[in-house]
Every structure is written in C-alpha cells, then in structure tokens.
Amino acid sequence: MVFDCLQCGECCSYLGQVHTLVKQISDTQFLVRNEYTNVEDVVTLDPDKTDWFADRSIYEIWPEACPFLRPDPNMPGRICCSVHLTRPEMCRSYGCWRVLILDGDGKLVGRIMGPHFLRSEDEELHRFWDANIKDLKCDTHAEWDKKTFEILERHGYRITDTVPADIRERLDIACGIVHE
C-alpha cells in the first residue's frame, strides 16, 4: 500500500487526543506521551519550523489537533508537523491507518489501514486475522468495522477507535474509503 501525503493535516487533526504534552524541556524540546500506549518520547522542533510553533491558529479549525501541527506560513493550505525530524514512532509508521489494535497488556500489535488491510508484525494477530477476519464480507464499511471490532475484542484485543464521526469520515475519504 503506497501512501502519498498531501500535507493537508487531516490525519493529525484529532491527534491531540493521542499525543499530550507532558512537559516542555526547553524552548524547542518537549516530552510527549501517547495516551493509548503510554509511551513517552522527547521531540524537538525542526530548526526550520521553530518560528511556526507560536502560531496556534490551527486550533481554531481543529481544536483536537496534534500539539505540533502547524500551518506553513510560506505555502497557504499546507499543514506540517513542526517536529517531523524527531516525531514519535507512531507518527513515523503512519500510512493512513484508521484503527490501532492493542493486545491485552495494552501493547500496540497492529493497525487497520485503508478499508480492510491489517498492518502488523505480530504473528499471532496475523494468524487470528487470516482465520477470522480476512475474508469477512459485509454490505458497508461501517458494518465491517463493527463486526471486526467485536471479533477482535471478544478475543482479548483492544481497539482504539475513538475518532469522532465527522473526523472518521474525512480520514476514510483520505484513506480511499467510499461510503455507500
């Protein structure tokens, strides 16, 4: 699956619910926590974006935006990560995933990408997916999501699908999902 970033900011428009600032270490360095996994990372403002950080106008459009998402003052309409060079692993591995799958201990073991694609290095989850979900047929994407989440949760997985419906629809469109 190839992911071509349009730098529209949609994917990070709700990540303020996921990444929270624990503390500011210096003028350009921050400790950030992933609220789903509790992993903490130190991030640093990119040298060419330190001046952008003071611009908080993104929150007028997206109140739940990632704390490091900022509009590019040099290119209207372009929205960028101000810590792109040191962004957390979750952000580095992003490729239009819609849902995170955690095991019973809260460890990230997989992602649902695009309409129905599993991205995971966890062999047990892959075997489970292939046996129980891979060939699941439903009339709508919403029905597929509901059934898939129920199956995963019954088998001890936790689903992080807390994205508000209006944002979910925008992300689905960005991920190539057409709603019936």
N, C-alpha and C. Protein backbone atom coordinates (compact mmCIF):
# COMPACT_ATOMS: atom_id res chain seq x y z
N MET A 1 0.85 -1.17 0.00
CA MET A 1 0.00 0.00 0.00
C MET A 1 0.90 1.24 0.00
N VAL A 2 0.77 2.09 -0.99
CA VAL A 2 1.57 3.30 -1.09
C VAL A 2 0.77 4.45 -0.48
N PHE A 3 1.44 5.26 0.31
CA PHE A 3 0.80 6.40 0.94
C PHE A 3 1.46 7.67 0.44
N ASP A 4 0.70 8.55 -0.16
CA ASP A 4 1.20 9.80 -0.69
C ASP A 4 0.61 10.94 0.13
N CYS A 5 1.43 11.56 0.99
CA CYS A 5 0.95 12.62 1.87
C CYS A 5 0.65 13.89 1.09
N LEU A 6 -0.53 14.43 1.30
CA LEU A 6 -0.95 15.68 0.65
C LEU A 6 -0.65 16.90 1.52
N GLN A 7 -0.15 16.68 2.73
CA GLN A 7 0.12 17.74 3.71
C GLN A 7 -1.10 18.63 3.93
N CYS A 8 -2.24 17.94 4.09
CA CYS A 8 -3.49 18.66 4.35
C CYS A 8 -3.78 18.77 5.85
N GLY A 9 -3.13 17.93 6.67
CA GLY A 9 -3.30 17.98 8.10
C GLY A 9 -4.45 17.14 8.64
N GLU A 10 -5.30 16.59 7.78
CA GLU A 10 -6.46 15.82 8.23
C GLU A 10 -6.08 14.69 9.18
N CYS A 11 -5.02 13.97 8.85
CA CYS A 11 -4.66 12.79 9.65
C CYS A 11 -4.27 13.16 11.08
N CYS A 12 -3.78 14.35 11.29
CA CYS A 12 -3.34 14.77 12.62
C CYS A 12 -4.32 15.73 13.28
N SER A 13 -5.48 15.90 12.66
CA SER A 13 -6.45 16.89 13.14
C SER A 13 -7.10 16.51 14.46
N TYR A 14 -6.96 15.27 14.89
CA TYR A 14 -7.52 14.83 16.16
C TYR A 14 -6.46 14.26 17.09
N LEU A 15 -5.20 14.28 16.70
CA LEU A 15 -4.16 13.59 17.48
C LEU A 15 -3.80 14.27 18.79
N GLY A 16 -4.40 15.41 19.08
CA GLY A 16 -4.23 15.99 20.40
C GLY A 16 -4.86 15.11 21.47
N GLN A 17 -5.77 14.23 21.06
CA GLN A 17 -6.35 13.24 21.97
C GLN A 17 -5.38 12.09 22.21
N VAL A 18 -4.43 11.91 21.31
CA VAL A 18 -3.48 10.80 21.40
C VAL A 18 -2.16 11.28 22.00
N HIS A 19 -1.58 12.32 21.42
CA HIS A 19 -0.31 12.85 21.91
C HIS A 19 -0.56 14.03 22.83
N THR A 20 -0.11 13.92 24.07
CA THR A 20 -0.26 15.03 25.00
C THR A 20 1.12 15.49 25.46
N LEU A 21 1.24 16.78 25.69
CA LEU A 21 2.50 17.32 26.19
C LEU A 21 2.60 17.04 27.68
N VAL A 22 3.66 16.36 28.07
CA VAL A 22 3.90 16.09 29.47
C VAL A 22 4.60 17.29 30.08
N LYS A 23 5.65 17.78 29.38
CA LYS A 23 6.34 18.98 29.84
C LYS A 23 7.21 19.54 28.73
N GLN A 24 7.47 20.83 28.86
CA GLN A 24 8.40 21.50 27.95
C GLN A 24 9.77 21.44 28.60
N ILE A 25 10.74 20.85 27.90
CA ILE A 25 12.08 20.67 28.43
C ILE A 25 12.93 21.91 28.19
N SER A 26 12.76 22.50 27.01
CA SER A 26 13.48 23.73 26.66
C SER A 26 12.61 24.50 25.68
N ASP A 27 13.14 25.56 25.10
CA ASP A 27 12.36 26.35 24.13
C ASP A 27 11.92 25.51 22.94
N THR A 28 12.72 24.50 22.60
CA THR A 28 12.43 23.72 21.40
C THR A 28 12.24 22.23 21.65
N GLN A 29 12.33 21.80 22.90
CA GLN A 29 12.26 20.37 23.19
C GLN A 29 11.12 20.08 24.17
N PHE A 30 10.40 18.95 23.91
CA PHE A 30 9.21 18.60 24.68
C PHE A 30 9.18 17.11 24.97
N LEU A 31 8.58 16.76 26.09
CA LEU A 31 8.28 15.37 26.40
C LEU A 31 6.81 15.17 26.08
N VAL A 32 6.51 14.18 25.24
CA VAL A 32 5.15 13.93 24.78
C VAL A 32 4.79 12.47 25.11
N ARG A 33 3.52 12.25 25.48
CA ARG A 33 3.05 10.90 25.80
C ARG A 33 1.95 10.48 24.83
N ASN A 34 2.05 9.22 24.39
CA ASN A 34 0.98 8.61 23.61
C ASN A 34 -0.02 8.08 24.62
N GLU A 35 -1.23 8.64 24.64
CA GLU A 35 -2.24 8.28 25.64
C GLU A 35 -2.81 6.88 25.45
N TYR A 36 -2.61 6.27 24.27
CA TYR A 36 -3.08 4.91 24.05
C TYR A 36 -2.08 3.89 24.57
N THR A 37 -0.80 4.15 24.35
CA THR A 37 0.23 3.17 24.70
C THR A 37 1.06 3.58 25.92
N ASN A 38 0.92 4.83 26.37
CA ASN A 38 1.70 5.41 27.47
C ASN A 38 3.19 5.53 27.16
N VAL A 39 3.57 5.38 25.91
CA VAL A 39 4.96 5.56 25.51
C VAL A 39 5.26 7.05 25.51
N GLU A 40 6.39 7.42 26.09
CA GLU A 40 6.81 8.82 26.11
C GLU A 40 8.02 9.01 25.20
N ASP A 41 8.04 10.13 24.50
CA ASP A 41 9.13 10.47 23.59
C ASP A 41 9.55 11.91 23.80
N VAL A 42 10.82 12.17 23.61
CA VAL A 42 11.31 13.55 23.58
C VAL A 42 11.34 13.97 22.12
N VAL A 43 10.70 15.08 21.81
CA VAL A 43 10.69 15.62 20.45
C VAL A 43 11.26 17.03 20.47
N THR A 44 11.81 17.41 19.32
CA THR A 44 12.43 18.73 19.19
C THR A 44 11.86 19.42 17.96
N LEU A 45 11.54 20.69 18.09
CA LEU A 45 11.06 21.45 16.94
C LEU A 45 12.11 21.41 15.84
N ASP A 46 11.67 21.19 14.61
CA ASP A 46 12.60 21.22 13.47
C ASP A 46 13.20 22.62 13.37
N PRO A 47 14.50 22.72 13.08
CA PRO A 47 15.15 24.04 13.03
C PRO A 47 14.45 25.04 12.10
N ASP A 48 13.89 24.55 10.99
CA ASP A 48 13.23 25.47 10.05
C ASP A 48 11.78 25.76 10.42
N LYS A 49 11.32 25.21 11.56
CA LYS A 49 9.92 25.41 11.96
C LYS A 49 9.76 25.99 13.36
N THR A 50 10.85 26.38 13.99
CA THR A 50 10.73 26.89 15.37
C THR A 50 9.86 28.14 15.44
N ASP A 51 9.91 28.99 14.43
CA ASP A 51 9.08 30.20 14.42
C ASP A 51 7.60 29.89 14.23
N TRP A 52 7.29 28.74 13.64
CA TRP A 52 5.90 28.37 13.38
C TRP A 52 5.17 28.01 14.66
N PHE A 53 5.89 27.54 15.67
CA PHE A 53 5.26 26.96 16.85
C PHE A 53 4.37 27.94 17.61
N ALA A 54 4.70 29.20 17.54
CA ALA A 54 3.90 30.23 18.23
C ALA A 54 2.52 30.41 17.59
N ASP A 55 2.38 30.03 16.33
CA ASP A 55 1.10 30.17 15.62
C ASP A 55 0.15 29.06 16.06
N ARG A 56 -0.86 29.43 16.83
CA ARG A 56 -1.81 28.45 17.37
C ARG A 56 -3.15 28.49 16.62
N SER A 57 -3.16 29.11 15.44
CA SER A 57 -4.41 29.25 14.68
C SER A 57 -5.00 27.92 14.24
N ILE A 58 -4.21 26.88 14.18
CA ILE A 58 -4.70 25.56 13.76
C ILE A 58 -5.83 25.08 14.68
N TYR A 59 -5.79 25.52 15.95
CA TYR A 59 -6.79 25.06 16.93
C TYR A 59 -8.14 25.74 16.74
N GLU A 60 -8.18 26.81 15.96
CA GLU A 60 -9.46 27.42 15.61
C GLU A 60 -10.21 26.52 14.63
N ILE A 61 -9.45 25.84 13.78
CA ILE A 61 -10.03 24.92 12.79
C ILE A 61 -10.24 23.54 13.41
N TRP A 62 -9.19 23.05 14.08
CA TRP A 62 -9.18 21.70 14.66
C TRP A 62 -8.77 21.78 16.13
N PRO A 63 -9.72 21.94 17.04
CA PRO A 63 -9.39 22.06 18.46
C PRO A 63 -8.65 20.85 19.04
N GLU A 64 -8.80 19.68 18.42
CA GLU A 64 -8.18 18.44 18.90
C GLU A 64 -6.89 18.09 18.15
N ALA A 65 -6.34 19.04 17.40
CA ALA A 65 -5.14 18.76 16.58
C ALA A 65 -3.94 18.38 17.44
N CYS A 66 -3.04 17.64 16.82
CA CYS A 66 -1.77 17.30 17.46
C CYS A 66 -1.11 18.58 17.96
N PRO A 67 -0.46 18.54 19.13
CA PRO A 67 0.16 19.75 19.66
C PRO A 67 1.28 20.31 18.79
N PHE A 68 1.72 19.57 17.78
CA PHE A 68 2.82 20.03 16.94
C PHE A 68 2.41 20.32 15.50
N LEU A 69 1.13 20.23 15.20
CA LEU A 69 0.63 20.51 13.86
C LEU A 69 0.52 22.02 13.65
N ARG A 70 1.08 22.51 12.56
CA ARG A 70 1.07 23.94 12.29
C ARG A 70 0.90 24.24 10.80
N PRO A 71 0.25 25.38 10.49
CA PRO A 71 0.16 25.80 9.08
C PRO A 71 1.52 26.33 8.61
N ASP A 72 1.85 26.05 7.37
CA ASP A 72 3.09 26.55 6.77
C ASP A 72 2.86 28.00 6.34
N PRO A 73 3.53 28.96 6.96
CA PRO A 73 3.30 30.37 6.60
C PRO A 73 3.78 30.71 5.19
N ASN A 74 4.60 29.85 4.61
CA ASN A 74 5.15 30.11 3.28
C ASN A 74 4.34 29.48 2.16
N MET A 75 3.39 28.61 2.51
CA MET A 75 2.59 27.93 1.50
C MET A 75 1.17 27.74 2.03
N PRO A 76 0.26 28.67 1.74
CA PRO A 76 -1.12 28.57 2.23
C PRO A 76 -1.76 27.23 1.88
N GLY A 77 -2.46 26.65 2.86
CA GLY A 77 -3.12 25.37 2.66
C GLY A 77 -2.28 24.17 3.05
N ARG A 78 -0.99 24.36 3.20
CA ARG A 78 -0.10 23.27 3.60
C ARG A 78 0.00 23.25 5.13
N ILE A 79 -0.23 22.08 5.70
CA ILE A 79 -0.18 21.90 7.16
C ILE A 79 0.94 20.91 7.44
N CYS A 80 1.82 21.24 8.38
CA CYS A 80 3.01 20.42 8.62
C CYS A 80 3.21 20.07 10.08
N CYS A 81 3.99 19.03 10.28
CA CYS A 81 4.43 18.64 11.61
C CYS A 81 5.65 19.48 11.96
N SER A 82 5.60 20.17 13.08
CA SER A 82 6.73 21.03 13.47
C SER A 82 7.86 20.24 14.14
N VAL A 83 7.64 18.93 14.40
CA VAL A 83 8.69 18.07 14.98
C VAL A 83 8.96 16.87 14.06
N HIS A 84 8.77 17.06 12.77
CA HIS A 84 8.85 15.96 11.81
C HIS A 84 10.15 15.15 11.94
N LEU A 85 11.27 15.79 12.15
CA LEU A 85 12.56 15.10 12.20
C LEU A 85 12.69 14.19 13.43
N THR A 86 11.99 14.51 14.51
CA THR A 86 12.08 13.71 15.75
C THR A 86 10.73 13.18 16.19
N ARG A 87 9.76 13.12 15.29
CA ARG A 87 8.39 12.68 15.63
C ARG A 87 8.40 11.27 16.23
N PRO A 88 7.40 10.99 17.07
CA PRO A 88 7.30 9.67 17.70
C PRO A 88 7.15 8.54 16.67
N GLU A 89 7.45 7.31 17.11
CA GLU A 89 7.39 6.14 16.23
C GLU A 89 6.01 5.98 15.60
N MET A 90 4.96 6.20 16.39
CA MET A 90 3.61 6.07 15.85
C MET A 90 3.42 6.95 14.62
N CYS A 91 3.96 8.15 14.67
CA CYS A 91 3.84 9.08 13.56
C CYS A 91 4.74 8.64 12.39
N ARG A 92 5.92 8.13 12.71
CA ARG A 92 6.85 7.67 11.67
C ARG A 92 6.26 6.52 10.85
N SER A 93 5.49 5.67 11.51
CA SER A 93 4.96 4.50 10.82
C SER A 93 3.58 4.75 10.23
N TYR A 94 3.10 5.97 10.33
CA TYR A 94 1.75 6.27 9.84
C TYR A 94 1.66 6.05 8.34
N GLY A 95 0.58 5.49 7.90
CA GLY A 95 0.30 5.29 6.49
C GLY A 95 -1.19 5.17 6.29
N CYS A 96 -1.89 6.14 6.78
CA CYS A 96 -3.35 6.18 6.65
C CYS A 96 -4.01 5.07 7.45
N TRP A 97 -3.48 4.78 8.64
CA TRP A 97 -4.17 3.80 9.49
C TRP A 97 -5.36 4.47 10.14
N ARG A 98 -6.39 3.67 10.31
CA ARG A 98 -7.63 4.19 10.87
C ARG A 98 -7.85 3.76 12.30
N VAL A 99 -7.30 2.59 12.65
CA VAL A 99 -7.58 2.00 13.94
C VAL A 99 -6.31 1.33 14.46
N LEU A 100 -6.05 1.47 15.75
CA LEU A 100 -4.94 0.76 16.38
C LEU A 100 -5.51 -0.47 17.10
N ILE A 101 -4.74 -1.57 17.07
CA ILE A 101 -5.11 -2.79 17.77
C ILE A 101 -4.06 -3.03 18.84
N LEU A 102 -4.52 -3.13 20.09
CA LEU A 102 -3.63 -3.39 21.21
C LEU A 102 -3.95 -4.76 21.80
N ASP A 103 -2.91 -5.42 22.34
CA ASP A 103 -3.15 -6.70 22.98
C ASP A 103 -3.71 -6.47 24.39
N GLY A 104 -3.92 -7.53 25.14
CA GLY A 104 -4.49 -7.44 26.47
C GLY A 104 -3.67 -6.63 27.45
N ASP A 105 -2.36 -6.50 27.18
CA ASP A 105 -1.47 -5.71 28.04
C ASP A 105 -1.36 -4.25 27.60
N GLY A 106 -2.08 -3.89 26.52
CA GLY A 106 -2.03 -2.52 26.03
C GLY A 106 -0.89 -2.26 25.05
N LYS A 107 -0.20 -3.31 24.62
CA LYS A 107 0.90 -3.16 23.66
C LYS A 107 0.34 -3.08 22.25
N LEU A 108 0.82 -2.12 21.47
CA LEU A 108 0.39 -1.97 20.08
C LEU A 108 0.86 -3.19 19.29
N VAL A 109 -0.10 -3.90 18.68
CA VAL A 109 0.25 -5.10 17.90
C VAL A 109 -0.19 -5.01 16.45
N GLY A 110 -1.00 -4.01 16.09
CA GLY A 110 -1.43 -3.91 14.71
C GLY A 110 -2.20 -2.64 14.43
N ARG A 111 -2.40 -2.41 13.13
CA ARG A 111 -3.15 -1.25 12.65
C ARG A 111 -4.05 -1.69 11.51
N ILE A 112 -5.26 -1.13 11.45
CA ILE A 112 -6.10 -1.34 10.28
C ILE A 112 -5.89 -0.13 9.39
N MET A 113 -5.47 -0.41 8.17
CA MET A 113 -5.14 0.64 7.21
C MET A 113 -6.10 0.55 6.03
N GLY A 114 -6.32 1.70 5.39
CA GLY A 114 -7.23 1.69 4.26
C GLY A 114 -8.55 1.08 4.68
N PRO A 115 -9.29 0.52 3.75
CA PRO A 115 -10.57 -0.06 4.14
C PRO A 115 -10.44 -1.26 5.08
N HIS A 116 -9.66 -2.28 4.71
CA HIS A 116 -9.67 -3.53 5.48
C HIS A 116 -8.30 -4.21 5.50
N PHE A 117 -7.24 -3.48 5.53
CA PHE A 117 -5.90 -4.06 5.47
C PHE A 117 -5.25 -4.05 6.85
N LEU A 118 -4.71 -5.19 7.27
CA LEU A 118 -4.01 -5.28 8.55
C LEU A 118 -2.53 -5.05 8.32
N ARG A 119 -1.96 -4.17 9.13
CA ARG A 119 -0.51 -3.99 9.15
C ARG A 119 -0.05 -4.39 10.55
N SER A 120 0.77 -5.46 10.61
CA SER A 120 1.23 -5.95 11.89
C SER A 120 2.45 -6.83 11.70
N GLU A 121 3.32 -6.82 12.69
CA GLU A 121 4.44 -7.74 12.71
C GLU A 121 4.20 -8.85 13.72
N ASP A 122 3.03 -8.85 14.35
CA ASP A 122 2.67 -9.83 15.36
C ASP A 122 2.10 -11.08 14.67
N GLU A 123 2.84 -12.19 14.73
CA GLU A 123 2.43 -13.41 14.04
C GLU A 123 1.10 -13.95 14.55
N GLU A 124 0.89 -13.89 15.86
CA GLU A 124 -0.36 -14.38 16.44
C GLU A 124 -1.55 -13.59 15.91
N LEU A 125 -1.43 -12.25 15.84
CA LEU A 125 -2.52 -11.43 15.31
C LEU A 125 -2.75 -11.75 13.83
N HIS A 126 -1.68 -11.93 13.07
CA HIS A 126 -1.84 -12.28 11.65
C HIS A 126 -2.60 -13.59 11.48
N ARG A 127 -2.23 -14.61 12.26
CA ARG A 127 -2.92 -15.90 12.16
C ARG A 127 -4.40 -15.72 12.51
N PHE A 128 -4.68 -14.98 13.59
CA PHE A 128 -6.05 -14.74 14.01
C PHE A 128 -6.82 -13.99 12.92
N TRP A 129 -6.20 -12.94 12.37
CA TRP A 129 -6.81 -12.14 11.31
C TRP A 129 -7.15 -13.01 10.10
N ASP A 130 -6.17 -13.81 9.66
CA ASP A 130 -6.38 -14.65 8.48
C ASP A 130 -7.51 -15.66 8.70
N ALA A 131 -7.62 -16.20 9.90
CA ALA A 131 -8.63 -17.21 10.20
C ALA A 131 -10.02 -16.63 10.45
N ASN A 132 -10.10 -15.40 10.96
CA ASN A 132 -11.39 -14.88 11.43
C ASN A 132 -11.89 -13.61 10.76
N ILE A 133 -11.01 -12.85 10.13
CA ILE A 133 -11.42 -11.52 9.65
C ILE A 133 -11.13 -11.30 8.16
N LYS A 134 -10.04 -11.81 7.69
CA LYS A 134 -9.56 -11.52 6.33
C LYS A 134 -10.65 -11.63 5.26
N ASP A 135 -11.46 -12.67 5.33
CA ASP A 135 -12.48 -12.90 4.31
C ASP A 135 -13.89 -12.48 4.73
N LEU A 136 -13.98 -11.67 5.78
CA LEU A 136 -15.27 -11.20 6.28
C LEU A 136 -15.94 -10.33 5.21
N LYS A 137 -17.17 -10.66 4.89
CA LYS A 137 -17.93 -9.91 3.88
C LYS A 137 -19.06 -9.15 4.55
N CYS A 138 -19.19 -7.87 4.24
CA CYS A 138 -20.26 -7.04 4.78
C CYS A 138 -20.74 -6.10 3.69
N ASP A 139 -21.94 -5.57 3.87
CA ASP A 139 -22.51 -4.66 2.86
C ASP A 139 -21.91 -3.26 2.92
N THR A 140 -21.47 -2.82 4.11
CA THR A 140 -20.92 -1.47 4.25
C THR A 140 -19.62 -1.52 5.05
N HIS A 141 -18.83 -0.46 4.93
CA HIS A 141 -17.60 -0.36 5.71
C HIS A 141 -17.92 -0.25 7.19
N ALA A 142 -18.97 0.46 7.53
CA ALA A 142 -19.35 0.62 8.94
C ALA A 142 -19.72 -0.74 9.55
N GLU A 143 -20.43 -1.56 8.79
CA GLU A 143 -20.80 -2.89 9.27
C GLU A 143 -19.55 -3.76 9.43
N TRP A 144 -18.61 -3.67 8.47
CA TRP A 144 -17.35 -4.43 8.56
C TRP A 144 -16.57 -4.01 9.79
N ASP A 145 -16.46 -2.70 10.02
CA ASP A 145 -15.76 -2.21 11.21
C ASP A 145 -16.39 -2.77 12.48
N LYS A 146 -17.71 -2.66 12.58
CA LYS A 146 -18.41 -3.11 13.79
C LYS A 146 -18.15 -4.59 14.05
N LYS A 147 -18.31 -5.43 13.03
CA LYS A 147 -18.11 -6.87 13.19
C LYS A 147 -16.65 -7.19 13.52
N THR A 148 -15.73 -6.52 12.82
CA THR A 148 -14.30 -6.76 13.05
C THR A 148 -13.91 -6.38 14.47
N PHE A 149 -14.37 -5.23 14.94
CA PHE A 149 -14.04 -4.78 16.29
C PHE A 149 -14.60 -5.76 17.32
N GLU A 150 -15.83 -6.22 17.10
CA GLU A 150 -16.44 -7.18 18.03
C GLU A 150 -15.63 -8.47 18.09
N ILE A 151 -15.21 -8.99 16.95
CA ILE A 151 -14.42 -10.22 16.89
C ILE A 151 -13.11 -10.04 17.63
N LEU A 152 -12.41 -8.94 17.35
CA LEU A 152 -11.13 -8.69 18.00
C LEU A 152 -11.28 -8.54 19.50
N GLU A 153 -12.28 -7.79 19.92
CA GLU A 153 -12.48 -7.55 21.36
C GLU A 153 -12.87 -8.84 22.10
N ARG A 154 -13.66 -9.70 21.46
CA ARG A 154 -14.02 -10.98 22.08
C ARG A 154 -12.79 -11.86 22.33
N HIS A 155 -11.76 -11.65 21.55
CA HIS A 155 -10.54 -12.45 21.69
C HIS A 155 -9.44 -11.71 22.44
N GLY A 156 -9.82 -10.68 23.20
CA GLY A 156 -8.88 -10.03 24.11
C GLY A 156 -8.10 -8.85 23.56
N TYR A 157 -8.37 -8.46 22.33
CA TYR A 157 -7.70 -7.29 21.78
C TYR A 157 -8.49 -6.04 22.16
N ARG A 158 -7.81 -4.91 22.21
CA ARG A 158 -8.46 -3.63 22.48
C ARG A 158 -8.34 -2.78 21.23
N ILE A 159 -9.42 -2.13 20.86
CA ILE A 159 -9.48 -1.30 19.67
C ILE A 159 -9.48 0.16 20.08
N THR A 160 -8.64 0.96 19.45
CA THR A 160 -8.64 2.40 19.72
C THR A 160 -9.28 3.08 18.53
N ASP A 161 -10.56 3.13 18.57
CA ASP A 161 -11.36 3.76 17.52
C ASP A 161 -12.18 4.87 18.15
N THR A 162 -11.49 5.88 18.67
CA THR A 162 -12.18 6.96 19.38
C THR A 162 -12.29 8.22 18.54
N VAL A 163 -12.08 8.09 17.26
CA VAL A 163 -12.13 9.25 16.38
C VAL A 163 -13.58 9.68 16.19
N PRO A 164 -13.90 10.96 16.42
CA PRO A 164 -15.27 11.43 16.21
C PRO A 164 -15.75 11.16 14.78
N ALA A 165 -17.06 10.96 14.62
CA ALA A 165 -17.63 10.55 13.34
C ALA A 165 -17.28 11.50 12.19
N ASP A 166 -17.30 12.82 12.42
CA ASP A 166 -17.00 13.75 11.33
C ASP A 166 -15.54 13.64 10.89
N ILE A 167 -14.65 13.42 11.86
CA ILE A 167 -13.24 13.26 11.52
C ILE A 167 -13.03 11.89 10.88
N ARG A 168 -13.70 10.85 11.38
CA ARG A 168 -13.61 9.50 10.80
C ARG A 168 -13.96 9.54 9.32
N GLU A 169 -15.03 10.27 8.98
CA GLU A 169 -15.44 10.35 7.58
C GLU A 169 -14.36 11.01 6.73
N ARG A 170 -13.74 12.09 7.23
CA ARG A 170 -12.67 12.75 6.48
C ARG A 170 -11.47 11.82 6.32
N LEU A 171 -11.12 11.08 7.39
CA LEU A 171 -10.00 10.15 7.31
C LEU A 171 -10.30 9.00 6.36
N ASP A 172 -11.54 8.49 6.41
CA ASP A 172 -11.91 7.42 5.49
C ASP A 172 -11.73 7.87 4.04
N ILE A 173 -12.16 9.09 3.73
CA ILE A 173 -12.00 9.61 2.38
C ILE A 173 -10.53 9.72 2.03
N ALA A 174 -9.71 10.22 2.98
CA ALA A 174 -8.27 10.32 2.74
C ALA A 174 -7.64 8.95 2.53
N CYS A 175 -8.21 7.90 3.18
CA CYS A 175 -7.69 6.54 3.05
C CYS A 175 -8.29 5.79 1.87
N GLY A 176 -9.14 6.46 1.09
CA GLY A 176 -9.71 5.82 -0.10
C GLY A 176 -10.97 5.03 0.15
N ILE A 177 -11.63 5.26 1.27
CA ILE A 177 -12.87 4.53 1.58
C ILE A 177 -14.04 5.36 1.09
N VAL A 178 -14.84 4.77 0.23
CA VAL A 178 -16.03 5.43 -0.28
C VAL A 178 -17.23 4.93 0.51
N HIS A 179 -17.99 5.85 1.07
CA HIS A 179 -19.17 5.47 1.85
C HIS A 179 -20.35 5.24 0.91
N GLU A 180 -21.07 4.16 1.18
CA GLU A 180 -22.23 3.82 0.36
C GLU A 180 -23.37 4.74 0.64
